[in-house]
PDB file of N, CA and C in Angstrom:
ATOM      1  N   MET A   1      -0.921   1.306  20.659  1.00  0.00           N
ATOM      2  CA  MET A   1      -1.926   0.311  20.330  1.00  0.00           C
ATOM      3  C   MET A   1      -3.170   0.476  21.204  1.00  0.00           C
ATOM      4  N   LEU A   2      -2.957   0.847  22.459  1.00  0.00           N
ATOM      5  CA  LEU A   2      -4.097   1.026  23.355  1.00  0.00           C
ATOM      6  C   LEU A   2      -5.018   2.151  22.878  1.00  0.00           C
ATOM      7  N   ARG A   3      -4.430   3.212  22.310  1.00  0.00           N
ATOM      8  CA  ARG A   3      -5.248   4.313  21.793  1.00  0.00           C
ATOM      9  C   ARG A   3      -6.088   3.852  20.603  1.00  0.00           C
ATOM     10  N   LEU A   4      -5.501   3.002  19.745  1.00  0.00           N
ATOM     11  CA  LEU A   4      -6.261   2.472  18.611  1.00  0.00           C
ATOM     12  C   LEU A   4      -7.421   1.602  19.086  1.00  0.00           C
ATOM     13  N   LEU A   5      -7.154   0.759  20.061  1.00  0.00           N
ATOM     14  CA  LEU A   5      -8.214  -0.094  20.601  1.00  0.00           C
ATOM     15  C   LEU A   5      -9.323   0.739  21.244  1.00  0.00           C
ATOM     16  N   ALA A   6      -8.938   1.804  21.933  1.00  0.00           N
ATOM     17  CA  ALA A   6      -9.935   2.684  22.553  1.00  0.00           C
ATOM     18  C   ALA A   6     -10.789   3.361  21.481  1.00  0.00           C
ATOM     19  N   GLU A   7     -10.151   3.824  20.398  1.00  0.00           N
ATOM     20  CA  GLU A   7     -10.912   4.449  19.313  1.00  0.00           C
ATOM     21  C   GLU A   7     -11.871   3.447  18.691  1.00  0.00           C
ATOM     22  N   HIS A   8     -11.377   2.244  18.431  1.00  0.00           N
ATOM     23  CA  HIS A   8     -12.237   1.228  17.822  1.00  0.00           C
ATOM     24  C   HIS A   8     -13.408   0.887  18.740  1.00  0.00           C
ATOM     25  N   SER A   9     -13.133   0.792  20.023  1.00  0.00           N
ATOM     26  CA  SER A   9     -14.184   0.490  20.980  1.00  0.00           C
ATOM     27  C   SER A   9     -15.246   1.592  21.001  1.00  0.00           C
ATOM     28  N   ARG A  10     -14.803   2.830  20.872  1.00  0.00           N
ATOM     29  CA  ARG A  10     -15.737   3.957  20.940  1.00  0.00           C
ATOM     30  C   ARG A  10     -16.494   4.185  19.637  1.00  0.00           C
ATOM     31  N   TYR A  11     -15.783   4.148  18.489  1.00  0.00           N
ATOM     32  CA  TYR A  11     -16.395   4.526  17.218  1.00  0.00           C
ATOM     33  C   TYR A  11     -16.637   3.361  16.262  1.00  0.00           C
ATOM     34  N   ASN A  12     -16.005   2.226  16.498  1.00  0.00           N
ATOM     35  CA  ASN A  12     -16.110   1.068  15.611  1.00  0.00           C
ATOM     36  C   ASN A  12     -15.807   1.470  14.162  1.00  0.00           C
ATOM     37  N   ASP A  13     -14.684   2.209  13.978  1.00  0.00           N
ATOM     38  CA  ASP A  13     -14.383   2.782  12.665  1.00  0.00           C
ATOM     39  C   ASP A  13     -13.043   2.338  12.087  1.00  0.00           C
ATOM     40  N   LEU A  14     -12.479   1.263  12.588  1.00  0.00           N
ATOM     41  CA  LEU A  14     -11.182   0.810  12.087  1.00  0.00           C
ATOM     42  C   LEU A  14     -11.324  -0.471  11.276  1.00  0.00           C
ATOM     43  N   ILE A  15     -10.592  -0.529  10.176  1.00  0.00           N
ATOM     44  CA  ILE A  15     -10.488  -1.739   9.368  1.00  0.00           C
ATOM     45  C   ILE A  15      -9.064  -2.242   9.534  1.00  0.00           C
ATOM     46  N   VAL A  16      -8.898  -3.468   9.978  1.00  0.00           N
ATOM     47  CA  VAL A  16      -7.565  -4.029  10.205  1.00  0.00           C
ATOM     48  C   VAL A  16      -7.250  -5.011   9.090  1.00  0.00           C
ATOM     49  N   THR A  17      -6.052  -4.881   8.534  1.00  0.00           N
ATOM     50  CA  THR A  17      -5.612  -5.757   7.454  1.00  0.00           C
ATOM     51  C   THR A  17      -4.169  -6.167   7.696  1.00  0.00           C
ATOM     52  N   ASP A  18      -3.721  -7.188   6.998  1.00  0.00           N
ATOM     53  CA  ASP A  18      -2.344  -7.657   7.181  1.00  0.00           C
ATOM     54  C   ASP A  18      -1.393  -7.103   6.121  1.00  0.00           C
ATOM     55  N   VAL A  19      -1.739  -5.984   5.501  1.00  0.00           N
ATOM     56  CA  VAL A  19      -0.881  -5.349   4.504  1.00  0.00           C
ATOM     57  C   VAL A  19       0.231  -4.598   5.226  1.00  0.00           C
ATOM     58  N   PHE A  20       1.480  -4.836   4.821  1.00  0.00           N
ATOM     59  CA  PHE A  20       2.629  -4.153   5.407  1.00  0.00           C
ATOM     60  C   PHE A  20       2.517  -2.648   5.165  1.00  0.00           C
ATOM     61  N   GLU A  21       2.766  -1.854   6.195  1.00  0.00           N
ATOM     62  CA  GLU A  21       2.647  -0.399   6.101  1.00  0.00           C
ATOM     63  C   GLU A  21       3.803   0.198   5.308  1.00  0.00           C
ATOM     64  N   SER A  22       3.484   0.687   4.107  1.00  0.00           N
ATOM     65  CA  SER A  22       4.472   1.380   3.282  1.00  0.00           C
ATOM     66  C   SER A  22       3.726   2.199   2.240  1.00  0.00           C
ATOM     67  N   TYR A  23       4.399   3.205   1.719  1.00  0.00           N
ATOM     68  CA  TYR A  23       3.780   4.030   0.682  1.00  0.00           C
ATOM     69  C   TYR A  23       3.468   3.188  -0.552  1.00  0.00           C
ATOM     70  N   GLU A  24       4.363   2.257  -0.869  1.00  0.00           N
ATOM     71  CA  GLU A  24       4.175   1.417  -2.052  1.00  0.00           C
ATOM     72  C   GLU A  24       2.935   0.533  -1.934  1.00  0.00           C
ATOM     73  N   ASN A  25       2.529   0.211  -0.711  1.00  0.00           N
ATOM     74  CA  ASN A  25       1.366  -0.653  -0.497  1.00  0.00           C
ATOM     75  C   ASN A  25       0.063   0.125  -0.314  1.00  0.00           C
ATOM     76  N   LEU A  26       0.103   1.425  -0.526  1.00  0.00           N
ATOM     77  CA  LEU A  26      -1.101   2.234  -0.355  1.00  0.00           C
ATOM     78  C   LEU A  26      -2.256   1.717  -1.205  1.00  0.00           C
ATOM     79  N   VAL A  27      -1.976   1.316  -2.420  1.00  0.00           N
ATOM     80  CA  VAL A  27      -3.032   0.817  -3.306  1.00  0.00           C
ATOM     81  C   VAL A  27      -3.698  -0.424  -2.708  1.00  0.00           C
ATOM     82  N   LEU A  28      -2.941  -1.269  -2.018  1.00  0.00           N
ATOM     83  CA  LEU A  28      -3.519  -2.462  -1.388  1.00  0.00           C
ATOM     84  C   LEU A  28      -4.423  -2.079  -0.221  1.00  0.00           C
ATOM     85  N   LYS A  29      -4.033  -1.055   0.526  1.00  0.00           N
ATOM     86  CA  LYS A  29      -4.870  -0.603   1.638  1.00  0.00           C
ATOM     87  C   LYS A  29      -6.174   0.004   1.119  1.00  0.00           C
ATOM     88  N   VAL A  30      -6.095   0.772   0.047  1.00  0.00           N
ATOM     89  CA  VAL A  30      -7.303   1.359  -0.543  1.00  0.00           C
ATOM     90  C   VAL A  30      -8.213   0.255  -1.081  1.00  0.00           C
ATOM     91  N   TYR A  31      -7.625  -0.730  -1.737  1.00  0.00           N
ATOM     92  CA  TYR A  31      -8.398  -1.859  -2.259  1.00  0.00           C
ATOM     93  C   TYR A  31      -9.110  -2.592  -1.115  1.00  0.00           C
ATOM     94  N   THR A  32      -8.417  -2.798  -0.012  1.00  0.00           N
ATOM     95  CA  THR A  32      -9.013  -3.451   1.151  1.00  0.00           C
ATOM     96  C   THR A  32     -10.219  -2.660   1.647  1.00  0.00           C
ATOM     97  N   ALA A  33     -10.090  -1.342   1.698  1.00  0.00           N
ATOM     98  CA  ALA A  33     -11.208  -0.500   2.134  1.00  0.00           C
ATOM     99  C   ALA A  33     -12.388  -0.612   1.174  1.00  0.00           C
ATOM    100  N   MET A  34     -12.104  -0.683  -0.123  1.00  0.00           N
ATOM    101  CA  MET A  34     -13.181  -0.809  -1.116  1.00  0.00           C
ATOM    102  C   MET A  34     -13.904  -2.147  -0.986  1.00  0.00           C
ATOM    103  N   ILE A  35     -13.158  -3.208  -0.773  1.00  0.00           N
ATOM    104  CA  ILE A  35     -13.777  -4.528  -0.577  1.00  0.00           C
ATOM    105  C   ILE A  35     -14.637  -4.519   0.680  1.00  0.00           C
ATOM    106  N   PHE A  36     -14.109  -3.940   1.765  1.00  0.00           N
ATOM    107  CA  PHE A  36     -14.873  -3.833   3.004  1.00  0.00           C
ATOM    108  C   PHE A  36     -16.175  -3.072   2.750  1.00  0.00           C
ATOM    109  N   PHE A  37     -16.069  -1.938   2.067  1.00  0.00           N
ATOM    110  CA  PHE A  37     -17.235  -1.105   1.758  1.00  0.00           C
ATOM    111  C   PHE A  37     -18.276  -1.900   0.978  1.00  0.00           C
ATOM    112  N   LYS A  38     -17.822  -2.616  -0.025  1.00  0.00           N
ATOM    113  CA  LYS A  38     -18.740  -3.388  -0.873  1.00  0.00           C
ATOM    114  C   LYS A  38     -19.493  -4.445  -0.070  1.00  0.00           C
ATOM    115  N   HIS A  39     -18.803  -5.121   0.842  1.00  0.00           N
ATOM    116  CA  HIS A  39     -19.409  -6.242   1.560  1.00  0.00           C
ATOM    117  C   HIS A  39     -20.158  -5.834   2.831  1.00  0.00           C
ATOM    118  N   TYR A  40     -19.716  -4.770   3.499  1.00  0.00           N
ATOM    119  CA  TYR A  40     -20.278  -4.451   4.809  1.00  0.00           C
ATOM    120  C   TYR A  40     -21.071  -3.146   4.862  1.00  0.00           C
ATOM    121  N   CYS A  41     -21.134  -2.420   3.755  1.00  0.00           N
ATOM    122  CA  CYS A  41     -21.853  -1.140   3.750  1.00  0.00           C
ATOM    123  C   CYS A  41     -22.818  -1.069   2.566  1.00  0.00           C
ATOM    124  N   PRO A  42     -23.701  -2.054   2.401  1.00  0.00           N
ATOM    125  CA  PRO A  42     -24.535  -2.109   1.191  1.00  0.00           C
ATOM    126  C   PRO A  42     -25.526  -0.953   1.063  1.00  0.00           C
ATOM    127  N   LYS A  43     -25.868  -0.301   2.157  1.00  0.00           N
ATOM    128  CA  LYS A  43     -26.838   0.794   2.087  1.00  0.00           C
ATOM    129  C   LYS A  43     -26.183   2.164   1.915  1.00  0.00           C
ATOM    130  N   ALA A  44     -24.866   2.217   1.977  1.00  0.00           N
ATOM    131  CA  ALA A  44     -24.166   3.501   1.827  1.00  0.00           C
ATOM    132  C   ALA A  44     -24.213   3.955   0.373  1.00  0.00           C
ATOM    133  N   ASN A  45     -24.340   5.242   0.168  1.00  0.00           N
ATOM    134  CA  ASN A  45     -24.426   5.796  -1.186  1.00  0.00           C
ATOM    135  C   ASN A  45     -23.077   6.123  -1.789  1.00  0.00           C
ATOM    136  N   PHE A  46     -22.061   6.295  -0.971  1.00  0.00           N
ATOM    137  CA  PHE A  46     -20.752   6.636  -1.511  1.00  0.00           C
ATOM    138  C   PHE A  46     -19.645   6.241  -0.539  1.00  0.00           C
ATOM    139  N   LEU A  47     -18.458   6.169  -1.077  1.00  0.00           N
ATOM    140  CA  LEU A  47     -17.235   5.931  -0.304  1.00  0.00           C
ATOM    141  C   LEU A  47     -16.283   7.067  -0.624  1.00  0.00           C
ATOM    142  N   MET A  48     -15.713   7.665   0.399  1.00  0.00           N
ATOM    143  CA  MET A  48     -14.779   8.766   0.191  1.00  0.00           C
ATOM    144  C   MET A  48     -13.473   8.426   0.884  1.00  0.00           C
ATOM    145  N   LYS A  49     -12.390   8.423   0.110  1.00  0.00           N
ATOM    146  CA  LYS A  49     -11.061   8.142   0.649  1.00  0.00           C
ATOM    147  C   LYS A  49     -10.282   9.448   0.698  1.00  0.00           C
ATOM    148  N   VAL A  50      -9.846   9.826   1.881  1.00  0.00           N
ATOM    149  CA  VAL A  50      -9.141  11.088   2.075  1.00  0.00           C
ATOM    150  C   VAL A  50      -7.953  10.841   2.992  1.00  0.00           C
ATOM    151  N   ASP A  51      -6.822  11.460   2.672  1.00  0.00           N
ATOM    152  CA  ASP A  51      -5.639  11.377   3.529  1.00  0.00           C
ATOM    153  C   ASP A  51      -5.556  12.604   4.425  1.00  0.00           C
ATOM    154  N   ASP A  52      -4.665  12.537   5.403  1.00  0.00           N
ATOM    155  CA  ASP A  52      -4.516  13.642   6.347  1.00  0.00           C
ATOM    156  C   ASP A  52      -3.866  14.876   5.728  1.00  0.00           C
ATOM    157  N   ASP A  53      -3.330  14.755   4.528  1.00  0.00           N
ATOM    158  CA  ASP A  53      -2.708  15.907   3.867  1.00  0.00           C
ATOM    159  C   ASP A  53      -3.582  16.459   2.736  1.00  0.00           C
ATOM    160  N   VAL A  54      -4.890  16.227   2.815  1.00  0.00           N
ATOM    161  CA  VAL A  54      -5.831  16.655   1.781  1.00  0.00           C
ATOM    162  C   VAL A  54      -6.773  17.708   2.358  1.00  0.00           C
ATOM    163  N   VAL A  55      -7.058  18.733   1.560  1.00  0.00           N
ATOM    164  CA  VAL A  55      -8.039  19.750   1.931  1.00  0.00           C
ATOM    165  C   VAL A  55      -9.316  19.463   1.152  1.00  0.00           C
ATOM    166  N   ILE A  56     -10.437  19.440   1.840  1.00  0.00           N
ATOM    167  CA  ILE A  56     -11.720  19.177   1.191  1.00  0.00           C
ATOM    168  C   ILE A  56     -12.531  20.468   1.163  1.00  0.00           C
ATOM    169  N   HIS A  57     -12.959  20.869  -0.009  1.00  0.00           N
ATOM    170  CA  HIS A  57     -13.865  22.010  -0.168  1.00  0.00           C
ATOM    171  C   HIS A  57     -15.281  21.434  -0.200  1.00  0.00           C
ATOM    172  N   LEU A  58     -15.937  21.426   0.955  1.00  0.00           N
ATOM    173  CA  LEU A  58     -17.235  20.766   1.067  1.00  0.00           C
ATOM    174  C   LEU A  58     -18.271  21.330   0.108  1.00  0.00           C
ATOM    175  N   ASP A  59     -18.287  22.649  -0.098  1.00  0.00           N
ATOM    176  CA  ASP A  59     -19.285  23.221  -1.003  1.00  0.00           C
ATOM    177  C   ASP A  59     -19.101  22.693  -2.420  1.00  0.00           C
ATOM    178  N   ARG A  60     -17.861  22.616  -2.885  1.00  0.00           N
ATOM    179  CA  ARG A  60     -17.590  22.081  -4.224  1.00  0.00           C
ATOM    180  C   ARG A  60     -17.910  20.589  -4.298  1.00  0.00           C
ATOM    181  N   MET A  61     -17.551  19.874  -3.237  1.00  0.00           N
ATOM    182  CA  MET A  61     -17.779  18.436  -3.221  1.00  0.00           C
ATOM    183  C   MET A  61     -19.275  18.126  -3.311  1.00  0.00           C
ATOM    184  N   PHE A  62     -20.084  18.797  -2.505  1.00  0.00           N
ATOM    185  CA  PHE A  62     -21.521  18.542  -2.528  1.00  0.00           C
ATOM    186  C   PHE A  62     -22.139  18.949  -3.859  1.00  0.00           C
ATOM    187  N   SER A  63     -21.682  20.061  -4.430  1.00  0.00           N
ATOM    188  CA  SER A  63     -22.184  20.475  -5.749  1.00  0.00           C
ATOM    189  C   SER A  63     -21.892  19.413  -6.799  1.00  0.00           C
ATOM    190  N   ARG A  64     -20.679  18.881  -6.774  1.00  0.00           N
ATOM    191  CA  ARG A  64     -20.292  17.848  -7.748  1.00  0.00           C
ATOM    192  C   ARG A  64     -21.126  16.591  -7.546  1.00  0.00           C
ATOM    193  N   TRP A  65     -21.354  16.210  -6.295  1.00  0.00           N
ATOM    194  CA  TRP A  65     -22.170  15.021  -6.042  1.00  0.00           C
ATOM    195  C   TRP A  65     -23.588  15.208  -6.564  1.00  0.00           C
ATOM    196  N   ILE A  66     -24.149  16.396  -6.366  1.00  0.00           N
ATOM    197  CA  ILE A  66     -25.501  16.659  -6.858  1.00  0.00           C
ATOM    198  C   ILE A  66     -25.539  16.575  -8.381  1.00  0.00           C
ATOM    199  N   GLU A  67     -24.514  17.131  -9.044  1.00  0.00           N
ATOM    200  CA  GLU A  67     -24.452  17.099 -10.511  1.00  0.00           C
ATOM    201  C   GLU A  67     -24.351  15.676 -11.052  1.00  0.00           C
ATOM    202  N   THR A  68     -23.743  14.788 -10.303  1.00  0.00           N
ATOM    203  CA  THR A  68     -23.454  13.441 -10.812  1.00  0.00           C
ATOM    204  C   THR A  68     -24.190  12.353 -10.036  1.00  0.00           C
ATOM    205  N   GLU A  69     -25.256  12.701  -9.333  1.00  0.00           N
ATOM    206  CA  GLU A  69     -25.901  11.720  -8.466  1.00  0.00           C
ATOM    207  C   GLU A  69     -26.475  10.519  -9.214  1.00  0.00           C
ATOM    208  N   ASN A  70     -26.733  10.649 -10.497  1.00  0.00           N
ATOM    209  CA  ASN A  70     -27.252   9.523 -11.269  1.00  0.00           C
ATOM    210  C   ASN A  70     -26.151   8.666 -11.890  1.00  0.00           C
ATOM    211  N   ASP A  71     -24.910   9.093 -11.763  1.00  0.00           N
ATOM    212  CA  ASP A  71     -23.783   8.298 -12.263  1.00  0.00           C
ATOM    213  C   ASP A  71     -23.456   7.215 -11.240  1.00  0.00           C
ATOM    214  N   GLU A  72     -23.424   5.970 -11.682  1.00  0.00           N
ATOM    215  CA  GLU A  72     -23.131   4.886 -10.749  1.00  0.00           C
ATOM    216  C   GLU A  72     -21.679   4.853 -10.317  1.00  0.00           C
ATOM    217  N   ASN A  73     -20.775   5.105 -11.230  1.00  0.00           N
ATOM    218  CA  ASN A  73     -19.349   5.017 -10.922  1.00  0.00           C
ATOM    219  C   ASN A  73     -18.676   6.339 -11.259  1.00  0.00           C
ATOM    220  N   SER A  74     -18.236   7.048 -10.240  1.00  0.00           N
ATOM    221  CA  SER A  74     -17.571   8.331 -10.456  1.00  0.00           C
ATOM    222  C   SER A  74     -16.314   8.404  -9.610  1.00  0.00           C
ATOM    223  N   ILE A  75     -15.292   9.011 -10.177  1.00  0.00           N
ATOM    224  CA  ILE A  75     -14.054   9.288  -9.454  1.00  0.00           C
ATOM    225  C   ILE A  75     -13.735  10.752  -9.699  1.00  0.00           C
ATOM    226  N   PHE A  76     -13.399  11.476  -8.650  1.00  0.00           N
ATOM    227  CA  PHE A  76     -13.082  12.891  -8.780  1.00  0.00           C
ATOM    228  C   PHE A  76     -11.645  13.131  -8.358  1.00  0.00           C
ATOM    229  N   GLY A  77     -10.999  14.041  -9.028  1.00  0.00           N
ATOM    230  CA  GLY A  77      -9.628  14.397  -8.694  1.00  0.00           C
ATOM    231  C   GLY A  77      -9.133  15.476  -9.632  1.00  0.00           C
ATOM    232  N   ILE A  78      -7.858  15.745  -9.558  1.00  0.00           N
ATOM    233  CA  ILE A  78      -7.229  16.759 -10.404  1.00  0.00           C
ATOM    234  C   ILE A  78      -6.134  16.092 -11.217  1.00  0.00           C
ATOM    235  N   VAL A  79      -6.051  16.440 -12.500  1.00  0.00           N
ATOM    236  CA  VAL A  79      -4.974  15.951 -13.363  1.00  0.00           C
ATOM    237  C   VAL A  79      -3.947  17.064 -13.505  1.00  0.00           C
ATOM    238  N   TRP A  80      -2.696  16.741 -13.218  1.00  0.00           N
ATOM    239  CA  TRP A  80      -1.598  17.683 -13.432  1.00  0.00           C
ATOM    240  C   TRP A  80      -0.853  17.248 -14.674  1.00  0.00           C
ATOM    241  N   PRO A  81      -1.163  17.848 -15.823  1.00  0.00           N
ATOM    242  CA  PRO A  81      -0.502  17.415 -17.060  1.00  0.00           C
ATOM    243  C   PRO A  81       0.977  17.782 -17.063  1.00  0.00           C
ATOM    244  N   GLU A  82       1.764  16.902 -17.660  1.00  0.00           N
ATOM    245  CA  GLU A  82       3.200  17.110 -17.835  1.00  0.00           C
ATOM    246  C   GLU A  82       3.926  17.411 -16.525  1.00  0.00           C
ATOM    247  N   HIS A  83       3.584  16.687 -15.489  1.00  0.00           N
ATOM    248  CA  HIS A  83       4.229  16.864 -14.189  1.00  0.00           C
ATOM    249  C   HIS A  83       5.488  16.002 -14.140  1.00  0.00           C
ATOM    250  N   PRO A  84       6.652  16.587 -13.839  1.00  0.00           N
ATOM    251  CA  PRO A  84       7.890  15.799 -13.808  1.00  0.00           C
ATOM    252  C   PRO A  84       7.993  14.972 -12.526  1.00  0.00           C
ATOM    253  N   PRO A  85       8.649  13.827 -12.577  1.00  0.00           N
ATOM    254  CA  PRO A  85       8.868  13.041 -11.358  1.00  0.00           C
ATOM    255  C   PRO A  85       9.815  13.777 -10.412  1.00  0.00           C
ATOM    256  N   ILE A  86       9.630  13.571  -9.129  1.00  0.00           N
ATOM    257  CA  ILE A  86      10.488  14.192  -8.119  1.00  0.00           C
ATOM    258  C   ILE A  86      11.660  13.260  -7.851  1.00  0.00           C
ATOM    259  N   ARG A  87      12.867  13.763  -7.992  1.00  0.00           N
ATOM    260  CA  ARG A  87      14.074  12.944  -7.846  1.00  0.00           C
ATOM    261  C   ARG A  87      14.806  13.174  -6.529  1.00  0.00           C
ATOM    262  N   ASP A  88      14.275  14.000  -5.659  1.00  0.00           N
ATOM    263  CA  ASP A  88      14.883  14.268  -4.358  1.00  0.00           C
ATOM    264  C   ASP A  88      14.522  13.137  -3.398  1.00  0.00           C
ATOM    265  N   ARG A  89      15.519  12.358  -2.970  1.00  0.00           N
ATOM    266  CA  ARG A  89      15.276  11.186  -2.110  1.00  0.00           C
ATOM    267  C   ARG A  89      14.603  11.541  -0.785  1.00  0.00           C
ATOM    268  N   ALA A  90      14.770  12.764  -0.333  1.00  0.00           N
ATOM    269  CA  ALA A  90      14.176  13.175   0.941  1.00  0.00           C
ATOM    270  C   ALA A  90      12.693  13.517   0.802  1.00  0.00           C
ATOM    271  N   ASN A  91      12.208  13.635  -0.411  1.00  0.00           N
ATOM    272  CA  ASN A  91      10.826  14.011  -0.656  1.00  0.00           C
ATOM    273  C   ASN A  91       9.909  12.797  -0.536  1.00  0.00           C
ATOM    274  N   LYS A  92       8.746  12.999   0.075  1.00  0.00           N
ATOM    275  CA  LYS A  92       7.762  11.922   0.232  1.00  0.00           C
ATOM    276  C   LYS A  92       7.370  11.315  -1.111  1.00  0.00           C
ATOM    277  N   TRP A  93       7.358  12.112  -2.177  1.00  0.00           N
ATOM    278  CA  TRP A  93       6.902  11.676  -3.489  1.00  0.00           C
ATOM    279  C   TRP A  93       8.062  11.290  -4.403  1.00  0.00           C
ATOM    280  N   TYR A  94       9.199  10.987  -3.828  1.00  0.00           N
ATOM    281  CA  TYR A  94      10.391  10.610  -4.599  1.00  0.00           C
ATOM    282  C   TYR A  94      10.089   9.460  -5.564  1.00  0.00           C
ATOM    283  N   ALA A  95      10.524   9.620  -6.812  1.00  0.00           N
ATOM    284  CA  ALA A  95      10.377   8.572  -7.831  1.00  0.00           C
ATOM    285  C   ALA A  95      11.771   8.080  -8.212  1.00  0.00           C
ATOM    286  N   THR A  96      11.989   6.787  -8.081  1.00  0.00           N
ATOM    287  CA  THR A  96      13.292   6.220  -8.426  1.00  0.00           C
ATOM    288  C   THR A  96      13.516   6.307  -9.928  1.00  0.00           C
ATOM    289  N   LEU A  97      14.723   6.006 -10.334  1.00  0.00           N
ATOM    290  CA  LEU A  97      15.057   6.048 -11.757  1.00  0.00           C
ATOM    291  C   LEU A  97      14.465   4.872 -12.524  1.00  0.00           C
ATOM    292  N   HIS A  98      13.754   3.977 -11.827  1.00  0.00           N
ATOM    293  CA  HIS A  98      13.012   2.933 -12.536  1.00  0.00           C
ATOM    294  C   HIS A  98      11.941   3.566 -13.427  1.00  0.00           C
ATOM    295  N   PHE A  99      11.454   4.732 -12.994  1.00  0.00           N
ATOM    296  CA  PHE A  99      10.545   5.500 -13.849  1.00  0.00           C
ATOM    297  C   PHE A  99      11.431   6.394 -14.703  1.00  0.00           C
ATOM    298  N   VAL A 100      11.559   6.076 -15.982  1.00  0.00           N
ATOM    299  CA  VAL A 100      12.569   6.722 -16.827  1.00  0.00           C
ATOM    300  C   VAL A 100      12.070   7.941 -17.601  1.00  0.00           C
ATOM    301  N   LEU A 101      10.762   8.134 -17.686  1.00  0.00           N
ATOM    302  CA  LEU A 101      10.249   9.265 -18.464  1.00  0.00           C
ATOM    303  C   LEU A 101      10.514  10.588 -17.746  1.00  0.00           C
ATOM    304  N   ARG A 102      10.589  11.673 -18.514  1.00  0.00           N
ATOM    305  CA  ARG A 102      10.844  12.986 -17.908  1.00  0.00           C
ATOM    306  C   ARG A 102       9.571  13.608 -17.329  1.00  0.00           C
ATOM    307  N   ILE A 103       8.380  13.115 -17.742  1.00  0.00           N
ATOM    308  CA  ILE A 103       7.105  13.568 -17.180  1.00  0.00           C
ATOM    309  C   ILE A 103       6.206  12.353 -16.963  1.00  0.00           C
ATOM    310  N   TYR A 104       5.256  12.495 -16.042  1.00  0.00           N
ATOM    311  CA  TYR A 104       4.259  11.450 -15.849  1.00  0.00           C
ATOM    312  C   TYR A 104       3.226  11.534 -16.966  1.00  0.00           C
ATOM    313  N   LEU A 105       2.762  10.393 -17.412  1.00  0.00           N
ATOM    314  CA  LEU A 105       1.684  10.359 -18.393  1.00  0.00           C
ATOM    315  C   LEU A 105       0.379  10.706 -17.686  1.00  0.00           C
ATOM    316  N   GLN A 106      -0.570  11.286 -18.409  1.00  0.00           N
ATOM    317  CA  GLN A 106      -1.862  11.594 -17.798  1.00  0.00           C
ATOM    318  C   GLN A 106      -2.598  10.297 -17.494  1.00  0.00           C
ATOM    319  N   PHE A 107      -3.277  10.283 -16.371  1.00  0.00           N
ATOM    320  CA  PHE A 107      -4.054   9.098 -15.996  1.00  0.00           C
ATOM    321  C   PHE A 107      -5.358   9.517 -15.379  1.00  0.00           C
TER     322      PHE A 107
END
């Protein structure tokens, strides 16, 4: 905790929320960041959410931003069509049998 406080004191870059830490609650943490961005960063031109397991190709990213700079609402990502759910419980991306389809639908 002391390291987090030191980082916040130095960079003022932490958003604290009362959302329980879990993979299932990731969407709530992202939503919290978006609300924070909307209310406290009115002059910012964009918000970028990246995890520690993501590789960013800066040249591609900047090219895409230039191509779409007049679009007010843009989301970038990759669609993996017909990707099967992972059933290995030890895997970070494990999907329980509550998801009954043999492949994920495109989204």
